[in-house]
Amino acid sequence: MLLDDYVIDTLMPDLCGHDRQPSSFLVYLFLCRQAERRRRIQIAQVDIAEGTGLAKRSVQSAIAWLAKRKLISIERESVTAVPVYTLLQPWRR
């Protein structure tokens, strides 16, 4: 997925400054990088933690915040299945 200017120009100050959730911004960037040309990524939270340098609990909180802000959606086949994240871009209509 190509990084949209909106991510740096608007989303970064919004998540890091206004929401005080810089870990959410890092996780979103990481998911963008993993997605490359897709919008859906199946990846374990421990792998996100390893890829971002964040603690697993920080990743869990960041994912919850991104879902609340409707920047990602999460699907699971079961409670223990590796989640599939879909990157959302609500600024694009």
PDB file of N, CA and C in Angstrom:
ATOM      1  N   MET A   1       0.848  -1.172   0.000  1.00  0.00           N
ATOM      2  CA  MET A   1       0.000   0.000   0.000  1.00  0.00           C
ATOM      3  C   MET A   1       0.889   1.229   0.000  1.00  0.00           C
ATOM      4  N   LEU A   2       0.679   2.092  -0.943  1.00  0.00           N
ATOM      5  CA  LEU A   2       1.441   3.324  -1.033  1.00  0.00           C
ATOM      6  C   LEU A   2       1.024   4.251   0.088  1.00  0.00           C
ATOM      7  N   LEU A   3       1.985   4.836   0.766  1.00  0.00           N
ATOM      8  CA  LEU A   3       1.696   5.720   1.889  1.00  0.00           C
ATOM      9  C   LEU A   3       1.124   7.038   1.388  1.00  0.00           C
ATOM     10  N   ASP A   4      -0.086   7.305   1.776  1.00  0.00           N
ATOM     11  CA  ASP A   4      -0.803   8.517   1.391  1.00  0.00           C
ATOM     12  C   ASP A   4      -0.244   9.714   2.165  1.00  0.00           C
ATOM     13  N   ASP A   5      -0.164  10.884   1.546  1.00  0.00           N
ATOM     14  CA  ASP A   5       0.298  12.103   2.219  1.00  0.00           C
ATOM     15  C   ASP A   5      -0.500  12.385   3.481  1.00  0.00           C
ATOM     16  N   TYR A   6      -1.770  12.027   3.472  1.00  0.00           N
ATOM     17  CA  TYR A   6      -2.647  12.262   4.615  1.00  0.00           C
ATOM     18  C   TYR A   6      -2.103  11.593   5.884  1.00  0.00           C
ATOM     19  N   VAL A   7      -1.480  10.433   5.717  1.00  0.00           N
ATOM     20  CA  VAL A   7      -0.971   9.677   6.870  1.00  0.00           C
ATOM     21  C   VAL A   7       0.059  10.502   7.639  1.00  0.00           C
ATOM     22  N   ILE A   8       0.973  11.126   6.931  1.00  0.00           N
ATOM     23  CA  ILE A   8       2.014  11.921   7.587  1.00  0.00           C
ATOM     24  C   ILE A   8       1.505  13.318   7.953  1.00  0.00           C
ATOM     25  N   ASP A   9       0.818  13.962   7.036  1.00  0.00           N
ATOM     26  CA  ASP A   9       0.415  15.351   7.239  1.00  0.00           C
ATOM     27  C   ASP A   9      -0.699  15.532   8.262  1.00  0.00           C
ATOM     28  N   THR A  10      -1.612  14.583   8.361  1.00  0.00           N
ATOM     29  CA  THR A  10      -2.782  14.751   9.226  1.00  0.00           C
ATOM     30  C   THR A  10      -2.886  13.661  10.293  1.00  0.00           C
ATOM     31  N   LEU A  11      -2.748  12.417   9.885  1.00  0.00           N
ATOM     32  CA  LEU A  11      -2.939  11.322  10.832  1.00  0.00           C
ATOM     33  C   LEU A  11      -1.870  11.298  11.918  1.00  0.00           C
ATOM     34  N   MET A  12      -0.603  11.556  11.551  1.00  0.00           N
ATOM     35  CA  MET A  12       0.475  11.544  12.536  1.00  0.00           C
ATOM     36  C   MET A  12       0.235  12.575  13.643  1.00  0.00           C
ATOM     37  N   PRO A  13      -0.001  13.857  13.328  1.00  0.00           N
ATOM     38  CA  PRO A  13      -0.250  14.799  14.418  1.00  0.00           C
ATOM     39  C   PRO A  13      -1.531  14.490  15.193  1.00  0.00           C
ATOM     40  N   ASP A  14      -2.511  13.919  14.512  1.00  0.00           N
ATOM     41  CA  ASP A  14      -3.772  13.594  15.182  1.00  0.00           C
ATOM     42  C   ASP A  14      -3.580  12.461  16.190  1.00  0.00           C
ATOM     43  N   LEU A  15      -2.959  11.359  15.757  1.00  0.00           N
ATOM     44  CA  LEU A  15      -2.762  10.223  16.661  1.00  0.00           C
ATOM     45  C   LEU A  15      -1.708  10.510  17.733  1.00  0.00           C
ATOM     46  N   CYS A  16      -0.604  11.115  17.336  1.00  0.00           N
ATOM     47  CA  CYS A  16       0.496  11.338  18.283  1.00  0.00           C
ATOM     48  C   CYS A  16       0.247  12.536  19.198  1.00  0.00           C
ATOM     49  N   GLY A  17      -0.277  13.606  18.649  1.00  0.00           N
ATOM     50  CA  GLY A  17      -0.474  14.820  19.437  1.00  0.00           C
ATOM     51  C   GLY A  17      -1.816  14.874  20.115  1.00  0.00           C
ATOM     52  N   HIS A  18      -2.869  14.905  19.340  1.00  0.00           N
ATOM     53  CA  HIS A  18      -4.222  15.056  19.880  1.00  0.00           C
ATOM     54  C   HIS A  18      -4.648  13.855  20.712  1.00  0.00           C
ATOM     55  N   ASP A  19      -4.521  12.638  20.158  1.00  0.00           N
ATOM     56  CA  ASP A  19      -4.965  11.427  20.849  1.00  0.00           C
ATOM     57  C   ASP A  19      -3.934  10.895  21.851  1.00  0.00           C
ATOM     58  N   ARG A  20      -2.709  11.374  21.734  1.00  0.00           N
ATOM     59  CA  ARG A  20      -1.601  10.888  22.565  1.00  0.00           C
ATOM     60  C   ARG A  20      -1.449   9.372  22.467  1.00  0.00           C
ATOM     61  N   GLN A  21      -1.473   8.891  21.225  1.00  0.00           N
ATOM     62  CA  GLN A  21      -1.365   7.459  20.928  1.00  0.00           C
ATOM     63  C   GLN A  21      -0.279   7.209  19.873  1.00  0.00           C
ATOM     64  N   PRO A  22       0.981   7.590  20.164  1.00  0.00           N
ATOM     65  CA  PRO A  22       2.020   7.387  19.141  1.00  0.00           C
ATOM     66  C   PRO A  22       2.213   5.924  18.767  1.00  0.00           C
ATOM     67  N   SER A  23       1.953   5.010  19.686  1.00  0.00           N
ATOM     68  CA  SER A  23       2.096   3.586  19.345  1.00  0.00           C
ATOM     69  C   SER A  23       1.075   3.187  18.277  1.00  0.00           C
ATOM     70  N   SER A  24      -0.093   3.813  18.292  1.00  0.00           N
ATOM     71  CA  SER A  24      -1.096   3.531  17.256  1.00  0.00           C
ATOM     72  C   SER A  24      -0.583   3.961  15.887  1.00  0.00           C
ATOM     73  N   PHE A  25       0.084   5.093  15.851  1.00  0.00           N
ATOM     74  CA  PHE A  25       0.642   5.565  14.582  1.00  0.00           C
ATOM     75  C   PHE A  25       1.720   4.596  14.088  1.00  0.00           C
ATOM     76  N   LEU A  26       2.594   4.136  14.983  1.00  0.00           N
ATOM     77  CA  LEU A  26       3.631   3.180  14.591  1.00  0.00           C
ATOM     78  C   LEU A  26       3.031   1.883  14.063  1.00  0.00           C
ATOM     79  N   VAL A  27       2.007   1.391  14.734  1.00  0.00           N
ATOM     80  CA  VAL A  27       1.366   0.150  14.285  1.00  0.00           C
ATOM     81  C   VAL A  27       0.711   0.360  12.926  1.00  0.00           C
ATOM     82  N   TYR A  28       0.047   1.500  12.720  1.00  0.00           N
ATOM     83  CA  TYR A  28      -0.576   1.780  11.429  1.00  0.00           C
ATOM     84  C   TYR A  28       0.485   1.829  10.323  1.00  0.00           C
ATOM     85  N   LEU A  29       1.604   2.497  10.588  1.00  0.00           N
ATOM     86  CA  LEU A  29       2.691   2.542   9.606  1.00  0.00           C
ATOM     87  C   LEU A  29       3.221   1.142   9.310  1.00  0.00           C
ATOM     88  N   PHE A  30       3.396   0.347  10.350  1.00  0.00           N
ATOM     89  CA  PHE A  30       3.885  -1.017  10.175  1.00  0.00           C
ATOM     90  C   PHE A  30       2.924  -1.827   9.309  1.00  0.00           C
ATOM     91  N   LEU A  31       1.634  -1.709   9.592  1.00  0.00           N
ATOM     92  CA  LEU A  31       0.638  -2.435   8.799  1.00  0.00           C
ATOM     93  C   LEU A  31       0.631  -1.941   7.350  1.00  0.00           C
ATOM     94  N   CYS A  32       0.810  -0.641   7.157  1.00  0.00           N
ATOM     95  CA  CYS A  32       0.899  -0.098   5.790  1.00  0.00           C
ATOM     96  C   CYS A  32       2.061  -0.735   5.041  1.00  0.00           C
ATOM     97  N   ARG A  33       3.178  -0.843   5.717  1.00  0.00           N
ATOM     98  CA  ARG A  33       4.365  -1.429   5.088  1.00  0.00           C
ATOM     99  C   ARG A  33       4.150  -2.908   4.773  1.00  0.00           C
ATOM    100  N   GLN A  34       3.524  -3.620   5.680  1.00  0.00           N
ATOM    101  CA  GLN A  34       3.259  -5.038   5.462  1.00  0.00           C
ATOM    102  C   GLN A  34       2.256  -5.251   4.333  1.00  0.00           C
ATOM    103  N   ALA A  35       1.341  -4.314   4.193  1.00  0.00           N
ATOM    104  CA  ALA A  35       0.279  -4.451   3.191  1.00  0.00           C
ATOM    105  C   ALA A  35       0.803  -4.271   1.773  1.00  0.00           C
ATOM    106  N   GLU A  36       1.782  -3.406   1.579  1.00  0.00           N
ATOM    107  CA  GLU A  36       2.297  -3.038   0.270  1.00  0.00           C
ATOM    108  C   GLU A  36       1.159  -2.768  -0.713  1.00  0.00           C
ATOM    109  N   ARG A  37       0.773  -3.725  -1.501  1.00  0.00           N
ATOM    110  CA  ARG A  37      -0.274  -3.469  -2.497  1.00  0.00           C
ATOM    111  C   ARG A  37      -1.626  -4.057  -2.109  1.00  0.00           C
ATOM    112  N   ARG A  38      -1.699  -4.661  -0.948  1.00  0.00           N
ATOM    113  CA  ARG A  38      -2.957  -5.219  -0.454  1.00  0.00           C
ATOM    114  C   ARG A  38      -3.483  -4.322   0.658  1.00  0.00           C
ATOM    115  N   ARG A  39      -4.706  -4.542   1.023  1.00  0.00           N
ATOM    116  CA  ARG A  39      -5.255  -3.809   2.159  1.00  0.00           C
ATOM    117  C   ARG A  39      -5.536  -4.744   3.320  1.00  0.00           C
ATOM    118  N   ARG A  40      -5.348  -6.048   3.100  1.00  0.00           N
ATOM    119  CA  ARG A  40      -5.609  -7.034   4.159  1.00  0.00           C
ATOM    120  C   ARG A  40      -4.307  -7.736   4.535  1.00  0.00           C
ATOM    121  N   ILE A  41      -4.070  -7.850   5.841  1.00  0.00           N
ATOM    122  CA  ILE A  41      -2.849  -8.457   6.335  1.00  0.00           C
ATOM    123  C   ILE A  41      -3.200  -9.431   7.441  1.00  0.00           C
ATOM    124  N   GLN A  42      -2.708 -10.652   7.350  1.00  0.00           N
ATOM    125  CA  GLN A  42      -2.877 -11.609   8.433  1.00  0.00           C
ATOM    126  C   GLN A  42      -1.541 -11.702   9.148  1.00  0.00           C
ATOM    127  N   ILE A  43      -1.522 -11.218  10.399  1.00  0.00           N
ATOM    128  CA  ILE A  43      -0.279 -11.181  11.157  1.00  0.00           C
ATOM    129  C   ILE A  43      -0.601 -11.228  12.649  1.00  0.00           C
ATOM    130  N   ALA A  44       0.233 -11.929  13.388  1.00  0.00           N
ATOM    131  CA  ALA A  44       0.052 -12.046  14.829  1.00  0.00           C
ATOM    132  C   ALA A  44       0.538 -10.775  15.525  1.00  0.00           C
ATOM    133  N   GLN A  45      -0.076 -10.480  16.656  1.00  0.00           N
ATOM    134  CA  GLN A  45       0.317  -9.287  17.414  1.00  0.00           C
ATOM    135  C   GLN A  45       1.763  -9.365  17.879  1.00  0.00           C
ATOM    136  N   VAL A  46       2.239 -10.554  18.195  1.00  0.00           N
ATOM    137  CA  VAL A  46       3.632 -10.696  18.617  1.00  0.00           C
ATOM    138  C   VAL A  46       4.581 -10.309  17.479  1.00  0.00           C
ATOM    139  N   ASP A  47       4.188 -10.584  16.237  1.00  0.00           N
ATOM    140  CA  ASP A  47       5.005 -10.196  15.083  1.00  0.00           C
ATOM    141  C   ASP A  47       4.969  -8.685  14.866  1.00  0.00           C
ATOM    142  N   ILE A  48       3.835  -8.075  15.133  1.00  0.00           N
ATOM    143  CA  ILE A  48       3.745  -6.605  15.054  1.00  0.00           C
ATOM    144  C   ILE A  48       4.632  -5.995  16.129  1.00  0.00           C
ATOM    145  N   ALA A  49       4.592  -6.564  17.338  1.00  0.00           N
ATOM    146  CA  ALA A  49       5.420  -6.072  18.435  1.00  0.00           C
ATOM    147  C   ALA A  49       6.903  -6.168  18.072  1.00  0.00           C
ATOM    148  N   GLU A  50       7.285  -7.293  17.512  1.00  0.00           N
ATOM    149  CA  GLU A  50       8.684  -7.489  17.119  1.00  0.00           C
ATOM    150  C   GLU A  50       9.081  -6.512  16.008  1.00  0.00           C
ATOM    151  N   GLY A  51       8.186  -6.302  15.049  1.00  0.00           N
ATOM    152  CA  GLY A  51       8.477  -5.422  13.920  1.00  0.00           C
ATOM    153  C   GLY A  51       8.512  -3.940  14.266  1.00  0.00           C
ATOM    154  N   THR A  52       7.813  -3.556  15.314  1.00  0.00           N
ATOM    155  CA  THR A  52       7.767  -2.143  15.699  1.00  0.00           C
ATOM    156  C   THR A  52       8.653  -1.808  16.887  1.00  0.00           C
ATOM    157  N   GLY A  53       9.061  -2.833  17.641  1.00  0.00           N
ATOM    158  CA  GLY A  53       9.836  -2.593  18.854  1.00  0.00           C
ATOM    159  C   GLY A  53       8.962  -2.244  20.049  1.00  0.00           C
ATOM    160  N   LEU A  54       7.647  -2.367  19.895  1.00  0.00           N
ATOM    161  CA  LEU A  54       6.722  -2.076  20.982  1.00  0.00           C
ATOM    162  C   LEU A  54       6.462  -3.331  21.802  1.00  0.00           C
ATOM    163  N   ALA A  55       6.019  -3.133  23.040  1.00  0.00           N
ATOM    164  CA  ALA A  55       5.596  -4.253  23.870  1.00  0.00           C
ATOM    165  C   ALA A  55       4.281  -4.798  23.321  1.00  0.00           C
ATOM    166  N   LYS A  56       4.026  -6.086  23.555  1.00  0.00           N
ATOM    167  CA  LYS A  56       2.799  -6.702  23.046  1.00  0.00           C
ATOM    168  C   LYS A  56       1.567  -5.978  23.576  1.00  0.00           C
ATOM    169  N   ARG A  57       1.583  -5.571  24.827  1.00  0.00           N
ATOM    170  CA  ARG A  57       0.435  -4.852  25.414  1.00  0.00           C
ATOM    171  C   ARG A  57       0.226  -3.507  24.712  1.00  0.00           C
ATOM    172  N   SER A  58       1.297  -2.836  24.340  1.00  0.00           N
ATOM    173  CA  SER A  58       1.187  -1.576  23.599  1.00  0.00           C
ATOM    174  C   SER A  58       0.571  -1.809  22.226  1.00  0.00           C
ATOM    175  N   VAL A  59       0.941  -2.918  21.602  1.00  0.00           N
ATOM    176  CA  VAL A  59       0.369  -3.272  20.299  1.00  0.00           C
ATOM    177  C   VAL A  59      -1.123  -3.560  20.448  1.00  0.00           C
ATOM    178  N   GLN A  60      -1.496  -4.290  21.492  1.00  0.00           N
ATOM    179  CA  GLN A  60      -2.914  -4.586  21.731  1.00  0.00           C
ATOM    180  C   GLN A  60      -3.713  -3.297  21.897  1.00  0.00           C
ATOM    181  N   SER A  61      -3.193  -2.374  22.681  1.00  0.00           N
ATOM    182  CA  SER A  61      -3.873  -1.089  22.895  1.00  0.00           C
ATOM    183  C   SER A  61      -3.950  -0.283  21.602  1.00  0.00           C
ATOM    184  N   ALA A  62      -2.856  -0.292  20.843  1.00  0.00           N
ATOM    185  CA  ALA A  62      -2.813   0.455  19.581  1.00  0.00           C
ATOM    186  C   ALA A  62      -3.830  -0.098  18.587  1.00  0.00           C
ATOM    187  N   ILE A  63      -3.924  -1.409  18.495  1.00  0.00           N
ATOM    188  CA  ILE A  63      -4.875  -2.038  17.578  1.00  0.00           C
ATOM    189  C   ILE A  63      -6.304  -1.685  17.983  1.00  0.00           C
ATOM    190  N   ALA A  64      -6.574  -1.737  19.276  1.00  0.00           N
ATOM    191  CA  ALA A  64      -7.912  -1.372  19.764  1.00  0.00           C
ATOM    192  C   ALA A  64      -8.234   0.084  19.420  1.00  0.00           C
ATOM    193  N   TRP A  65      -7.243   0.965  19.573  1.00  0.00           N
ATOM    194  CA  TRP A  65      -7.456   2.386  19.269  1.00  0.00           C
ATOM    195  C   TRP A  65      -7.684   2.595  17.770  1.00  0.00           C
ATOM    196  N   LEU A  66      -6.902   1.929  16.943  1.00  0.00           N
ATOM    197  CA  LEU A  66      -7.060   2.060  15.490  1.00  0.00           C
ATOM    198  C   LEU A  66      -8.427   1.546  15.042  1.00  0.00           C
ATOM    199  N   ALA A  67      -8.881   0.467  15.653  1.00  0.00           N
ATOM    200  CA  ALA A  67     -10.212  -0.061  15.324  1.00  0.00           C
ATOM    201  C   ALA A  67     -11.299   0.930  15.770  1.00  0.00           C
ATOM    202  N   LYS A  68     -11.133   1.501  16.954  1.00  0.00           N
ATOM    203  CA  LYS A  68     -12.099   2.483  17.458  1.00  0.00           C
ATOM    204  C   LYS A  68     -12.173   3.698  16.535  1.00  0.00           C
ATOM    205  N   ARG A  69     -11.025   4.127  16.039  1.00  0.00           N
ATOM    206  CA  ARG A  69     -10.957   5.279  15.118  1.00  0.00           C
ATOM    207  C   ARG A  69     -11.353   4.900  13.690  1.00  0.00           C
ATOM    208  N   LYS A  70     -11.671   3.634  13.461  1.00  0.00           N
ATOM    209  CA  LYS A  70     -12.066   3.120  12.150  1.00  0.00           C
ATOM    210  C   LYS A  70     -10.966   3.297  11.091  1.00  0.00           C
ATOM    211  N   LEU A  71      -9.727   3.079  11.542  1.00  0.00           N
ATOM    212  CA  LEU A  71      -8.588   3.096  10.636  1.00  0.00           C
ATOM    213  C   LEU A  71      -8.209   1.683  10.209  1.00  0.00           C
ATOM    214  N   ILE A  72      -8.658   0.695  10.979  1.00  0.00           N
ATOM    215  CA  ILE A  72      -8.496  -0.713  10.613  1.00  0.00           C
ATOM    216  C   ILE A  72      -9.771  -1.456  10.996  1.00  0.00           C
ATOM    217  N   SER A  73      -9.984  -2.580  10.334  1.00  0.00           N
ATOM    218  CA  SER A  73     -11.009  -3.517  10.789  1.00  0.00           C
ATOM    219  C   SER A  73     -10.297  -4.838  11.060  1.00  0.00           C
ATOM    220  N   ILE A  74     -10.889  -5.629  11.948  1.00  0.00           N
ATOM    221  CA  ILE A  74     -10.257  -6.869  12.392  1.00  0.00           C
ATOM    222  C   ILE A  74     -11.236  -8.021  12.204  1.00  0.00           C
ATOM    223  N   GLU A  75     -10.749  -9.097  11.594  1.00  0.00           N
ATOM    224  CA  GLU A  75     -11.549 -10.311  11.427  1.00  0.00           C
ATOM    225  C   GLU A  75     -10.761 -11.483  12.001  1.00  0.00           C
ATOM    226  N   ARG A  76     -11.486 -12.379  12.639  1.00  0.00           N
ATOM    227  CA  ARG A  76     -10.872 -13.603  13.177  1.00  0.00           C
ATOM    228  C   ARG A  76     -11.791 -14.777  12.879  1.00  0.00           C
ATOM    229  N   GLU A  77     -11.213 -15.895  12.500  1.00  0.00           N
ATOM    230  CA  GLU A  77     -12.008 -17.107  12.291  1.00  0.00           C
ATOM    231  C   GLU A  77     -12.440 -17.695  13.624  1.00  0.00           C
ATOM    232  N   SER A  78     -11.604 -17.532  14.637  1.00  0.00           N
ATOM    233  CA  SER A  78     -11.926 -17.986  15.991  1.00  0.00           C
ATOM    234  C   SER A  78     -11.177 -17.091  16.967  1.00  0.00           C
ATOM    235  N   VAL A  79     -11.439 -17.270  18.245  1.00  0.00           N
ATOM    236  CA  VAL A  79     -10.805 -16.439  19.264  1.00  0.00           C
ATOM    237  C   VAL A  79      -9.284 -16.583  19.246  1.00  0.00           C
ATOM    238  N   THR A  80      -8.801 -17.773  18.931  1.00  0.00           N
ATOM    239  CA  THR A  80      -7.355 -18.020  18.954  1.00  0.00           C
ATOM    240  C   THR A  80      -6.686 -17.890  17.582  1.00  0.00           C
ATOM    241  N   ALA A  81      -7.462 -17.604  16.553  1.00  0.00           N
ATOM    242  CA  ALA A  81      -6.897 -17.486  15.197  1.00  0.00           C
ATOM    243  C   ALA A  81      -6.099 -16.190  15.053  1.00  0.00           C
ATOM    244  N   VAL A  82      -5.131 -16.230  14.156  1.00  0.00           N
ATOM    245  CA  VAL A  82      -4.363 -15.026  13.841  1.00  0.00           C
ATOM    246  C   VAL A  82      -5.305 -14.061  13.123  1.00  0.00           C
ATOM    247  N   PRO A  83      -5.404 -12.822  13.611  1.00  0.00           N
ATOM    248  CA  PRO A  83      -6.354 -11.882  13.012  1.00  0.00           C
ATOM    249  C   PRO A  83      -5.935 -11.418  11.618  1.00  0.00           C
ATOM    250  N   VAL A  84      -6.944 -11.038  10.858  1.00  0.00           N
ATOM    251  CA  VAL A  84      -6.732 -10.420   9.547  1.00  0.00           C
ATOM    252  C   VAL A  84      -7.133  -8.959   9.696  1.00  0.00           C
ATOM    253  N   TYR A  85      -6.196  -8.071   9.414  1.00  0.00           N
ATOM    254  CA  TYR A  85      -6.436  -6.636   9.525  1.00  0.00           C
ATOM    255  C   TYR A  85      -6.677  -6.063   8.137  1.00  0.00           C
ATOM    256  N   THR A  86      -7.673  -5.223   8.027  1.00  0.00           N
ATOM    257  CA  THR A  86      -7.930  -4.494   6.793  1.00  0.00           C
ATOM    258  C   THR A  86      -7.658  -3.033   7.061  1.00  0.00           C
ATOM    259  N   LEU A  87      -6.763  -2.454   6.272  1.00  0.00           N
ATOM    260  CA  LEU A  87      -6.463  -1.035   6.415  1.00  0.00           C
ATOM    261  C   LEU A  87      -7.579  -0.222   5.785  1.00  0.00           C
ATOM    262  N   LEU A  88      -8.114   0.680   6.563  1.00  0.00           N
ATOM    263  CA  LEU A  88      -9.179   1.550   6.076  1.00  0.00           C
ATOM    264  C   LEU A  88      -8.614   2.947   5.859  1.00  0.00           C
ATOM    265  N   GLN A  89      -9.165   3.637   4.920  1.00  0.00           N
ATOM    266  CA  GLN A  89      -8.743   5.006   4.622  1.00  0.00           C
ATOM    267  C   GLN A  89      -9.987   5.882   4.561  1.00  0.00           C
ATOM    268  N   PRO A  90     -10.532   6.229   5.724  1.00  0.00           N
ATOM    269  CA  PRO A  90     -11.791   6.982   5.736  1.00  0.00           C
ATOM    270  C   PRO A  90     -11.687   8.363   5.099  1.00  0.00           C
ATOM    271  N   TRP A  91     -10.491   8.877   4.918  1.00  0.00           N
ATOM    272  CA  TRP A  91     -10.318  10.178   4.285  1.00  0.00           C
ATOM    273  C   TRP A  91     -10.530  10.099   2.776  1.00  0.00           C
ATOM    274  N   ARG A  92     -10.464   8.877   2.235  1.00  0.00           N
ATOM    275  CA  ARG A  92     -10.737   8.694   0.796  1.00  0.00           C
ATOM    276  C   ARG A  92     -12.177   8.285   0.623  1.00  0.00           C
ATOM    277  N   ARG A  93     -12.860   8.917  -0.232  1.00  0.00           N
ATOM    278  CA  ARG A  93     -14.272   8.580  -0.472  1.00  0.00           C
ATOM    279  C   ARG A  93     -14.467   8.142  -1.896  1.00  0.00           C
TER     280      ARG A  93
END
